[in-house]
Amino acid sequence: MVRLIVLLLVLAGMVGLLIGRASPAPFLVQTTEIPQPPNANGSLVGAASCSASGCHNANGASGSKGSEYSTWIGADPHAQAFAVLGTPRSQKMLANYLGSDPSLADPQKEPLCLSCHVHPDPEIKKKTYPDRFSVVDGVGCEACHGGAAQWVTNHYQASWKELTVNQKAKLGFADTKDLATRASTCIRCHVGEKGMDVNHDLLAAGHPRLRFELNAYQANYSSRHWRIMDEKARQPNYEWTSWVLGQLATTGASVDLLAHRANQKEAPWPELSEYNCASCHHRIGGAFGQTVSAGRLRFGTWNEISNNPHSFPPSWLGGMVGGEARGVGEALLKVMEKEPQNRDKIRPLALDLSQKWTNLLEKTKTSQTLFPFPEAGQIRGWIMKVERAYQNATSFPSWDGDTQSYLMLRAYTQTVKDRGGKIPPEWDKAVSDLGDELGEAFPKGKESIWTSPEKYDAPRVRKKFKAIQGALP
């Protein structure tokens, strides 16, 4: 169980970094000038607008109604997102990225940093916040729920409940109870977009990799200001649907970001963060990642966009990912691996796939019945397909891909339990053993988000999947 928790912390990216430093005291670094972040259409009013004790600051138990603000400011790592920029590590990271003297680098004033550590708006240099909005609050209420200027004074009134989701959205309110909307909200910072890009240069400067998986993040998000039981009552097959929608949203965001990167002719190319790290970062013998690159860049890291079985939700998910989107994805894979320098070929394919994926995501907002809950036999068949691809060398094993499979199995297993189904003990144990094995891939005694899974052993992991396959009823 300890190793499972470690594995989930690895997935938390910068959230993991902040969780590891939950106490606010060391981070409250005062700056001589508070920067003025963006304020789209003057819509932001600041987290303090939610802080009245009669509103969201009742200081009750975590997740209790009326205590959303007190939970957030007291325990949520998002509330420390600005403060963490004041640490020496962040200062050194930015200095590395800018190629400047560390004493001149101030992440708490850098637009690239603020656009995720305060509010998701890449146009930070062109807009200003009102005085009542404080950057010291970090990632506050409006980063997720939308600019509140048009709804903060009436969202607690009875008439508010009579408005439709679309009517609320026109006022700037984001319905994060809807899992598709929530996934689309999270990915802006946790995957990236234009102007909010954790590219290879930033990774080389010391920024942790962004490994976002919606369902795992929520499982690891112990400081949530809502109740998980309410989620499951509202959303049938909550864990499974959360996993599927997270996969769709992160893949879509990755495609959008690739299209943007390919369109930036002044930026370095190929953009190496689009590729598996072990393509370059492995020992001569291929021990790291058990992968020998043979001089070839392997497309795909955490959010793979390819014909790899890990890259899309399996085809039996209502057939949603079949057809044109998959075909374009396969074409993109070939160009990215065989002609990585040819951005003129990559750009139109990425734009085409981006549009198809946008259309796909729109369908999720009107019909989540597109995700039928699979039978155990379908899960077994999916594992067999993945393992066969490895045996035939049409795909290659990696820590990223195996961990994505593990998280899918975790979501599936928990959903079976939530539905009142019986889980054979050997099945539960086999999945837990897989999680332990993946967690042990990181060096002991070091913070996982700053290290690589260099002890990943693909043959040993294959045995774990075989045990799961045999344990499935």
Protein backbone atom coordinates (compact mmCIF):
# COMPACT_ATOMS: atom_id res chain seq x y z
CA MET A 1 0.00 0.00 0.00
CA VAL A 2 2.86 2.39 0.77
CA ARG A 3 4.35 1.79 -2.66
CA LEU A 4 0.93 2.34 -4.26
CA ILE A 5 0.74 5.73 -2.56
CA VAL A 6 4.24 6.53 -3.81
CA LEU A 7 3.17 5.63 -7.34
CA LEU A 8 0.15 7.90 -7.17
CA LEU A 9 2.32 10.73 -5.87
CA VAL A 10 4.57 10.29 -8.88
CA LEU A 11 1.56 11.02 -11.08
CA ALA A 12 0.78 14.24 -9.30
CA GLY A 13 3.43 16.38 -11.06
CA MET A 14 3.58 19.81 -9.49
CA VAL A 15 0.63 18.92 -7.25
CA GLY A 16 2.86 16.20 -5.84
CA LEU A 17 5.57 18.78 -5.31
CA LEU A 18 3.18 20.97 -3.37
CA ILE A 19 1.69 18.12 -1.34
CA GLY A 20 5.18 17.28 -0.21
CA ARG A 21 5.38 20.82 1.18
CA ALA A 22 1.91 21.36 2.57
CA SER A 23 2.89 23.82 5.29
CA PRO A 24 2.58 27.35 3.95
CA ALA A 25 5.08 28.99 6.28
CA PRO A 26 8.35 28.35 4.37
CA PHE A 27 6.83 29.47 1.09
CA LEU A 28 5.42 32.86 1.89
CA VAL A 29 8.19 34.76 0.15
CA GLN A 30 7.33 38.44 -0.09
CA THR A 31 8.05 40.22 -3.35
CA THR A 32 8.63 43.95 -3.64
CA GLU A 33 6.06 44.19 -6.38
CA ILE A 34 3.02 41.95 -6.74
CA PRO A 35 2.54 41.16 -10.45
CA GLN A 36 -0.79 41.79 -12.10
CA PRO A 37 -1.97 38.57 -13.77
CA PRO A 38 -4.69 38.38 -16.44
CA ASN A 39 -8.35 39.22 -16.04
CA ALA A 40 -10.32 38.07 -19.04
CA ASN A 41 -13.26 40.44 -19.56
CA GLY A 42 -12.88 41.76 -16.01
CA SER A 43 -14.50 38.58 -14.74
CA LEU A 44 -12.30 37.75 -11.74
CA VAL A 45 -13.12 38.79 -8.19
CA GLY A 46 -10.59 36.73 -6.19
CA ALA A 47 -10.82 33.85 -3.74
CA ALA A 48 -11.49 36.25 -0.85
CA SER A 49 -14.99 36.77 -2.25
CA CYS A 50 -15.77 33.20 -1.12
CA SER A 51 -14.28 33.57 2.36
CA ALA A 52 -17.26 34.71 4.44
CA SER A 53 -18.11 32.26 7.22
CA GLY A 54 -21.70 32.20 6.04
CA CYS A 55 -20.62 31.23 2.52
CA HIS A 56 -17.75 28.76 2.03
CA ASN A 57 -15.57 29.38 5.09
CA ALA A 58 -17.46 27.51 7.82
CA ASN A 59 -14.27 25.66 8.83
CA GLY A 60 -16.05 22.34 8.99
CA ALA A 61 -14.80 18.90 8.05
CA SER A 62 -13.05 18.51 4.70
CA GLY A 63 -15.63 18.04 1.99
CA SER A 64 -18.54 19.34 4.06
CA LYS A 65 -20.93 21.81 2.49
CA GLY A 66 -20.09 25.41 3.36
CA SER A 67 -16.43 24.63 4.14
CA GLU A 68 -15.04 24.67 0.62
CA TYR A 69 -12.89 27.79 1.13
CA SER A 70 -11.55 26.72 4.52
CA THR A 71 -10.66 23.28 3.12
CA TRP A 72 -8.92 24.83 0.13
CA ILE A 73 -6.86 27.41 2.03
CA GLY A 74 -6.02 25.05 4.88
CA ALA A 75 -5.08 21.86 3.05
CA ASP A 76 -5.29 22.13 -0.73
CA PRO A 77 -1.87 22.24 -2.47
CA HIS A 78 -3.35 24.55 -5.13
CA ALA A 79 -3.44 27.30 -2.49
CA GLN A 80 0.38 27.08 -2.28
CA ALA A 81 0.95 27.20 -6.04
CA PHE A 82 2.17 30.81 -6.03
CA ALA A 83 4.19 30.41 -2.83
CA VAL A 84 6.19 27.48 -4.22
CA LEU A 85 7.49 29.81 -6.93
CA GLY A 86 9.38 31.66 -4.21
CA THR A 87 11.64 28.72 -3.33
CA PRO A 88 15.33 28.52 -4.30
CA ARG A 89 14.57 25.46 -6.44
CA SER A 90 12.02 27.39 -8.50
CA GLN A 91 14.39 30.34 -8.82
CA LYS A 92 17.20 28.09 -10.06
CA MET A 93 14.82 26.37 -12.46
CA LEU A 94 13.75 29.64 -14.05
CA ALA A 95 17.36 30.85 -14.24
CA ASN A 96 18.28 27.64 -16.08
CA TYR A 97 15.36 28.12 -18.45
CA LEU A 98 16.10 31.79 -19.19
CA GLY A 99 19.87 31.38 -19.14
CA SER A 100 20.14 34.17 -16.59
CA ASP A 101 21.80 34.87 -13.28
CA PRO A 102 19.72 33.10 -10.56
CA SER A 103 19.62 36.33 -8.56
CA LEU A 104 17.76 37.97 -11.46
CA ALA A 105 15.21 35.20 -11.95
CA ASP A 106 11.89 35.74 -10.17
CA PRO A 107 9.31 33.00 -10.89
CA GLN A 108 6.70 34.97 -8.93
CA LYS A 109 6.78 37.60 -11.70
CA GLU A 110 7.35 35.33 -14.70
CA PRO A 111 4.25 35.09 -16.96
CA LEU A 112 4.99 31.50 -17.99
CA CYS A 113 4.99 30.41 -14.34
CA LEU A 114 2.04 32.54 -13.26
CA SER A 115 -0.23 31.29 -16.02
CA CYS A 116 -0.45 27.91 -14.26
CA HIS A 117 0.55 28.75 -10.69
CA VAL A 118 -2.06 31.51 -10.35
CA HIS A 119 -4.65 31.48 -13.11
CA PRO A 120 -4.80 29.59 -16.44
CA ASP A 121 -4.52 32.45 -18.86
CA PRO A 122 -1.59 32.56 -21.31
CA GLU A 123 -2.32 36.22 -22.18
CA ILE A 124 -0.94 37.31 -18.83
CA LYS A 125 1.16 40.16 -20.26
CA LYS A 126 -1.80 41.85 -21.89
CA LYS A 127 -4.35 41.97 -19.07
CA THR A 128 -4.63 43.08 -15.47
CA TYR A 129 -6.50 41.90 -12.42
CA PRO A 130 -8.57 44.12 -10.16
CA ASP A 131 -7.07 45.00 -6.79
CA ARG A 132 -9.24 42.48 -4.96
CA PHE A 133 -7.62 39.59 -6.83
CA SER A 134 -4.46 38.43 -5.05
CA VAL A 135 -1.82 36.32 -6.77
CA VAL A 136 -0.67 35.15 -3.34
CA ASP A 137 -3.80 32.99 -3.25
CA GLY A 138 -2.23 30.75 -5.88
CA VAL A 139 -4.63 28.61 -7.88
CA GLY A 140 -7.88 29.82 -6.39
CA CYS A 141 -11.58 29.17 -6.81
CA GLU A 142 -11.96 30.89 -10.17
CA ALA A 143 -9.17 28.92 -11.84
CA CYS A 144 -11.52 25.92 -11.78
CA HIS A 145 -15.01 27.36 -11.36
CA GLY A 146 -14.65 30.27 -13.78
CA GLY A 147 -14.50 34.05 -13.39
CA ALA A 148 -17.18 34.87 -10.83
CA ALA A 149 -17.98 38.55 -11.45
CA GLN A 150 -21.31 37.75 -13.11
CA TRP A 151 -22.47 34.99 -10.77
CA VAL A 152 -20.86 35.47 -7.35
CA THR A 153 -23.84 37.47 -6.00
CA ASN A 154 -26.55 35.10 -7.15
CA HIS A 155 -25.16 31.55 -7.24
CA TYR A 156 -26.51 30.93 -3.74
CA GLN A 157 -30.05 32.06 -4.57
CA ALA A 158 -32.91 29.71 -5.40
CA SER A 159 -33.18 31.15 -8.90
CA TRP A 160 -29.64 29.95 -9.64
CA LYS A 161 -30.75 26.32 -9.45
CA GLU A 162 -33.33 26.99 -12.14
CA LEU A 163 -30.69 28.00 -14.70
CA THR A 164 -29.45 25.45 -17.22
CA VAL A 165 -25.80 24.47 -17.48
CA ASN A 166 -25.51 26.54 -20.68
CA GLN A 167 -27.06 29.59 -19.02
CA LYS A 168 -24.59 29.34 -16.15
CA ALA A 169 -21.73 28.88 -18.60
CA LYS A 170 -22.66 32.14 -20.35
CA LEU A 171 -22.14 33.87 -17.01
CA GLY A 172 -18.67 32.34 -16.77
CA PHE A 173 -19.50 29.46 -14.42
CA ALA A 174 -17.83 26.10 -15.09
CA ASP A 175 -19.88 23.08 -14.06
CA THR A 176 -17.10 20.97 -12.56
CA LYS A 177 -19.59 18.41 -11.29
CA ASP A 178 -19.64 17.27 -14.90
CA LEU A 179 -16.60 15.04 -15.30
CA ALA A 180 -16.00 16.04 -18.92
CA THR A 181 -15.93 19.71 -17.93
CA ARG A 182 -13.70 18.94 -14.97
CA ALA A 183 -11.23 17.04 -17.12
CA SER A 184 -11.13 19.89 -19.65
CA THR A 185 -10.50 22.35 -16.80
CA CYS A 186 -7.64 20.39 -15.23
CA ILE A 187 -5.76 19.72 -18.45
CA ARG A 188 -5.09 23.40 -19.17
CA CYS A 189 -2.32 23.39 -16.56
CA HIS A 190 -1.70 19.69 -15.99
CA VAL A 191 -1.18 18.88 -19.68
CA GLY A 192 -0.65 22.34 -21.17
CA GLU A 193 -1.74 24.52 -24.04
CA LYS A 194 -0.54 27.47 -26.09
CA GLY A 195 1.35 29.84 -23.82
CA MET A 196 1.27 27.31 -20.95
CA ASP A 197 3.73 24.79 -22.29
CA VAL A 198 6.07 22.63 -20.22
CA ASN A 199 8.32 21.84 -23.16
CA HIS A 200 11.68 20.06 -23.29
CA ASP A 201 13.58 23.26 -22.49
CA LEU A 202 11.61 23.70 -19.28
CA LEU A 203 12.00 20.02 -18.39
CA ALA A 204 15.75 20.32 -18.94
CA ALA A 205 15.74 23.35 -16.63
CA GLY A 206 14.38 21.14 -13.85
CA HIS A 207 10.57 21.24 -14.07
CA PRO A 208 8.91 17.89 -13.26
CA ARG A 209 7.22 15.99 -16.06
CA LEU A 210 3.47 16.44 -16.29
CA ARG A 211 1.91 13.02 -15.79
CA PHE A 212 -1.78 13.82 -15.49
CA GLU A 213 -4.40 11.10 -15.19
CA LEU A 214 -7.73 12.40 -13.94
CA ASN A 215 -8.88 9.43 -11.91
CA ALA A 216 -5.52 8.90 -10.19
CA TYR A 217 -5.27 12.61 -9.35
CA GLN A 218 -8.70 12.53 -7.77
CA ALA A 219 -7.79 9.43 -5.78
CA ASN A 220 -4.66 11.19 -4.53
CA TYR A 221 -6.48 14.47 -3.88
CA SER A 222 -7.09 13.98 -0.17
CA SER A 223 -7.80 17.67 0.38
CA ARG A 224 -10.81 17.80 -1.93
CA HIS A 225 -13.57 20.17 -0.84
CA TRP A 226 -16.38 17.89 -1.96
CA ARG A 227 -17.50 14.40 -0.97
CA ILE A 228 -16.59 11.42 -3.09
CA MET A 229 -19.80 9.67 -2.04
CA ASP A 230 -21.80 12.47 -3.65
CA GLU A 231 -19.81 12.01 -6.86
CA LYS A 232 -20.58 8.32 -6.98
CA ALA A 233 -24.24 8.89 -6.25
CA ARG A 234 -24.40 11.41 -9.09
CA GLN A 235 -22.31 9.50 -11.62
CA PRO A 236 -22.88 5.80 -12.29
CA ASN A 237 -19.58 3.97 -12.81
CA TYR A 238 -17.81 7.05 -11.45
CA GLU A 239 -14.25 5.66 -11.34
CA TRP A 240 -14.48 4.13 -14.81
CA THR A 241 -16.11 7.15 -16.42
CA SER A 242 -13.54 9.41 -14.78
CA TRP A 243 -10.73 7.30 -16.25
CA VAL A 244 -12.24 7.26 -19.76
CA LEU A 245 -12.99 11.00 -19.84
CA GLY A 246 -9.53 11.74 -18.47
CA GLN A 247 -7.97 9.69 -21.27
CA LEU A 248 -10.02 11.48 -23.91
CA ALA A 249 -9.31 14.95 -22.52
CA THR A 250 -5.56 14.48 -22.03
CA THR A 251 -5.12 12.98 -25.48
CA GLY A 252 -7.05 15.87 -27.00
CA ALA A 253 -4.96 18.42 -25.11
CA SER A 254 -1.77 16.69 -26.22
CA VAL A 255 -2.86 16.81 -29.85
CA ASP A 256 -3.73 20.51 -29.57
CA LEU A 257 -0.38 21.26 -27.99
CA LEU A 258 1.48 19.31 -30.69
CA ALA A 259 -0.35 21.27 -33.39
CA HIS A 260 0.62 24.54 -31.70
CA ARG A 261 4.23 23.47 -31.28
CA ALA A 262 4.49 22.41 -34.92
CA ASN A 263 3.19 25.83 -35.95
CA GLN A 264 5.88 27.77 -34.05
CA LYS A 265 8.60 28.03 -36.68
CA GLU A 266 10.89 30.03 -34.43
CA ALA A 267 10.90 27.31 -31.74
CA PRO A 268 13.37 24.39 -31.68
CA TRP A 269 12.23 21.32 -33.59
CA PRO A 270 11.74 18.43 -33.07
CA GLU A 271 10.14 19.23 -29.73
CA LEU A 272 11.69 16.41 -27.74
CA SER A 273 9.07 16.37 -24.98
CA GLU A 274 6.75 14.75 -27.54
CA TYR A 275 8.91 11.62 -27.44
CA ASN A 276 9.58 8.84 -24.98
CA CYS A 277 12.38 10.01 -22.69
CA ALA A 278 14.18 6.67 -23.01
CA SER A 279 14.70 7.34 -26.71
CA CYS A 280 17.71 9.37 -25.60
CA HIS A 281 18.01 8.92 -21.84
CA HIS A 282 19.05 5.31 -21.45
CA ARG A 283 22.28 3.57 -20.65
CA ILE A 284 24.29 2.18 -23.54
CA GLY A 285 22.99 -1.28 -22.72
CA GLY A 286 19.42 -0.05 -22.78
CA ALA A 287 18.75 -0.68 -19.09
CA PHE A 288 16.76 2.50 -18.46
CA GLY A 289 13.31 1.75 -19.79
CA GLN A 290 14.55 -1.55 -21.19
CA THR A 291 14.51 0.28 -24.50
CA VAL A 292 17.26 0.64 -27.07
CA SER A 293 16.49 3.51 -29.40
CA ALA A 294 18.62 2.32 -32.33
CA GLY A 295 18.98 5.99 -33.22
CA ARG A 296 15.23 6.44 -33.49
CA LEU A 297 12.95 8.77 -31.58
CA ARG A 298 9.98 6.92 -30.12
CA PHE A 299 6.86 9.07 -30.34
CA GLY A 300 4.78 9.33 -27.22
CA THR A 301 5.53 9.74 -23.55
CA TRP A 302 2.73 9.83 -21.02
CA ASN A 303 -0.06 10.94 -23.36
CA GLU A 304 0.68 8.82 -26.39
CA ILE A 305 -0.92 9.67 -29.72
CA SER A 306 -0.30 6.59 -31.80
CA ASN A 307 -1.54 3.12 -32.64
CA ASN A 308 0.00 1.85 -29.44
CA PRO A 309 -2.69 -0.03 -27.46
CA HIS A 310 -2.10 2.40 -24.59
CA SER A 311 -2.64 5.51 -26.62
CA PHE A 312 -6.42 5.62 -26.85
CA PRO A 313 -9.16 4.08 -24.76
CA PRO A 314 -9.69 0.57 -26.17
CA SER A 315 -11.79 0.30 -29.31
CA TRP A 316 -14.57 -1.53 -27.48
CA LEU A 317 -15.50 1.70 -25.69
CA GLY A 318 -18.51 2.21 -27.91
CA GLY A 319 -16.27 2.38 -30.99
CA MET A 320 -15.74 6.05 -30.20
CA VAL A 321 -12.07 6.12 -31.00
CA GLY A 322 -12.18 4.04 -34.13
CA GLY A 323 -12.42 5.28 -37.68
CA GLU A 324 -11.02 8.57 -38.84
CA ALA A 325 -9.44 9.75 -35.59
CA ARG A 326 -7.47 6.53 -35.20
CA GLY A 327 -6.40 6.60 -38.85
CA VAL A 328 -5.06 10.14 -38.57
CA GLY A 329 -3.33 9.22 -35.30
CA GLU A 330 -1.55 6.31 -36.99
CA ALA A 331 -0.44 8.54 -39.86
CA LEU A 332 0.85 11.09 -37.37
CA LEU A 333 2.79 8.39 -35.54
CA LYS A 334 4.60 7.35 -38.71
CA VAL A 335 5.67 10.87 -39.60
CA MET A 336 6.71 11.73 -36.04
CA GLU A 337 8.97 8.69 -35.86
CA LYS A 338 10.26 8.44 -39.42
CA GLU A 339 10.48 12.14 -40.28
CA PRO A 340 10.64 13.93 -36.92
CA GLN A 341 12.29 16.96 -38.48
CA ASN A 342 9.46 17.49 -41.01
CA ARG A 343 7.14 19.86 -39.18
CA ASP A 344 5.41 20.79 -42.46
CA LYS A 345 4.03 17.24 -42.67
CA ILE A 346 3.32 17.01 -38.97
CA ARG A 347 1.41 20.29 -38.65
CA PRO A 348 -1.62 19.45 -40.90
CA LEU A 349 -1.95 15.95 -39.42
CA ALA A 350 -1.91 17.35 -35.89
CA LEU A 351 -4.46 20.03 -36.79
CA ASP A 352 -6.72 17.44 -38.46
CA LEU A 353 -6.54 15.09 -35.48
CA SER A 354 -7.10 18.02 -33.12
CA GLN A 355 -10.36 18.93 -34.87
CA LYS A 356 -11.56 15.33 -34.90
CA TRP A 357 -10.75 15.00 -31.23
CA THR A 358 -12.59 18.23 -30.43
CA ASN A 359 -15.69 16.80 -32.12
CA LEU A 360 -15.26 13.60 -30.14
CA LEU A 361 -15.05 15.45 -26.84
CA GLU A 362 -18.20 17.43 -27.67
CA LYS A 363 -20.12 14.17 -27.87
CA THR A 364 -19.15 13.36 -24.29
CA LYS A 365 -21.01 16.43 -23.05
CA THR A 366 -24.30 15.17 -24.41
CA SER A 367 -24.00 11.41 -23.95
CA GLN A 368 -21.79 9.66 -21.46
CA THR A 369 -23.61 6.42 -22.31
CA LEU A 370 -20.98 6.24 -25.04
CA PHE A 371 -18.79 4.53 -22.44
CA PRO A 372 -20.33 1.12 -21.68
CA PHE A 373 -18.87 -0.57 -18.64
CA PRO A 374 -16.87 -3.55 -19.92
CA GLU A 375 -17.04 -7.16 -18.86
CA ALA A 376 -14.02 -8.85 -17.32
CA GLY A 377 -13.49 -10.80 -20.54
CA GLN A 378 -13.07 -7.54 -22.45
CA ILE A 379 -10.44 -6.35 -19.99
CA ARG A 380 -8.61 -9.66 -20.40
CA GLY A 381 -8.76 -9.30 -24.18
CA TRP A 382 -7.35 -5.78 -23.95
CA ILE A 383 -4.40 -6.99 -21.86
CA MET A 384 -3.79 -9.81 -24.34
CA LYS A 385 -3.77 -7.30 -27.21
CA VAL A 386 -1.20 -5.12 -25.45
CA GLU A 387 1.04 -8.06 -24.60
CA ARG A 388 0.77 -9.46 -28.14
CA ALA A 389 1.86 -6.11 -29.56
CA TYR A 390 4.96 -6.29 -27.38
CA GLN A 391 5.72 -9.87 -28.38
CA ASN A 392 5.37 -9.00 -32.07
CA ALA A 393 7.49 -5.87 -31.65
CA THR A 394 4.74 -3.70 -33.14
CA SER A 395 4.88 -1.73 -29.91
CA PHE A 396 7.36 -1.51 -27.05
CA PRO A 397 6.90 -1.66 -23.29
CA SER A 398 7.53 1.39 -21.15
CA TRP A 399 6.90 2.50 -17.59
CA ASP A 400 4.46 5.10 -18.89
CA GLY A 401 2.37 2.63 -20.86
CA ASP A 402 2.33 -0.02 -18.15
CA THR A 403 1.36 2.56 -15.53
CA GLN A 404 -1.50 3.78 -17.69
CA SER A 405 -2.69 0.17 -17.94
CA TYR A 406 -2.40 -0.22 -14.19
CA LEU A 407 -4.47 2.91 -13.56
CA MET A 408 -7.13 1.63 -15.93
CA LEU A 409 -7.23 -1.66 -14.00
CA ARG A 410 -7.49 0.22 -10.71
CA ALA A 411 -10.41 2.29 -12.01
CA TYR A 412 -12.12 -0.82 -13.34
CA THR A 413 -11.60 -2.80 -10.12
CA GLN A 414 -12.96 0.00 -7.93
CA THR A 415 -15.99 0.43 -10.17
CA VAL A 416 -16.80 -3.29 -9.91
CA LYS A 417 -16.70 -2.92 -6.12
CA ASP A 418 -18.87 0.21 -6.22
CA ARG A 419 -21.41 -1.69 -8.31
CA GLY A 420 -21.59 -4.41 -5.66
CA GLY A 421 -19.62 -6.92 -7.68
CA LYS A 422 -17.30 -9.49 -6.18
CA ILE A 423 -13.58 -9.18 -6.70
CA PRO A 424 -11.63 -12.45 -6.38
CA PRO A 425 -8.81 -11.97 -3.84
CA GLU A 426 -6.21 -13.14 -6.36
CA TRP A 427 -7.36 -10.46 -8.81
CA ASP A 428 -7.12 -7.69 -6.21
CA LYS A 429 -3.68 -8.93 -5.16
CA ALA A 430 -2.41 -9.20 -8.73
CA VAL A 431 -3.37 -5.58 -9.47
CA SER A 432 -1.79 -4.38 -6.22
CA ASP A 433 1.40 -6.33 -6.98
CA LEU A 434 1.60 -4.59 -10.37
CA GLY A 435 1.31 -1.19 -8.67
CA ASP A 436 4.05 -2.14 -6.21
CA GLU A 437 6.34 -3.23 -9.05
CA LEU A 438 5.85 0.04 -10.93
CA GLY A 439 6.42 2.06 -7.76
CA GLU A 440 9.70 0.25 -7.12
CA ALA A 441 11.05 1.44 -10.47
CA PHE A 442 12.14 4.68 -8.79
CA PRO A 443 15.33 4.98 -6.71
CA LYS A 444 14.67 4.60 -3.01
CA GLY A 445 15.19 7.59 -0.77
CA LYS A 446 14.55 10.17 -3.49
CA GLU A 447 11.46 12.22 -4.30
CA SER A 448 9.78 10.45 -7.19
CA ILE A 449 8.75 13.55 -9.12
CA TRP A 450 12.41 14.57 -9.49
CA THR A 451 13.67 11.17 -10.66
CA SER A 452 13.11 8.69 -13.48
CA PRO A 453 11.85 5.09 -13.27
CA GLU A 454 15.33 3.83 -14.08
CA LYS A 455 14.76 0.51 -12.28
CA TYR A 456 11.79 -0.34 -14.49
CA ASP A 457 12.03 -4.01 -15.47
CA ALA A 458 9.76 -4.80 -18.43
CA PRO A 459 10.07 -8.64 -18.26
CA ARG A 460 9.14 -8.60 -14.56
CA VAL A 461 6.17 -6.34 -15.27
CA ARG A 462 5.03 -8.71 -18.03
CA LYS A 463 4.76 -11.46 -15.40
CA LYS A 464 2.55 -9.21 -13.30
CA PHE A 465 0.20 -8.65 -16.22
CA LYS A 466 0.11 -12.40 -16.89
CA ALA A 467 -0.95 -12.96 -13.28
CA ILE A 468 -3.74 -10.36 -13.67
CA GLN A 469 -4.86 -11.99 -16.89
CA GLY A 470 -5.13 -15.35 -15.16
CA ALA A 471 -6.94 -13.90 -12.13
CA LEU A 472 -9.69 -12.14 -14.09
CA PRO A 473 -12.95 -14.12 -13.78
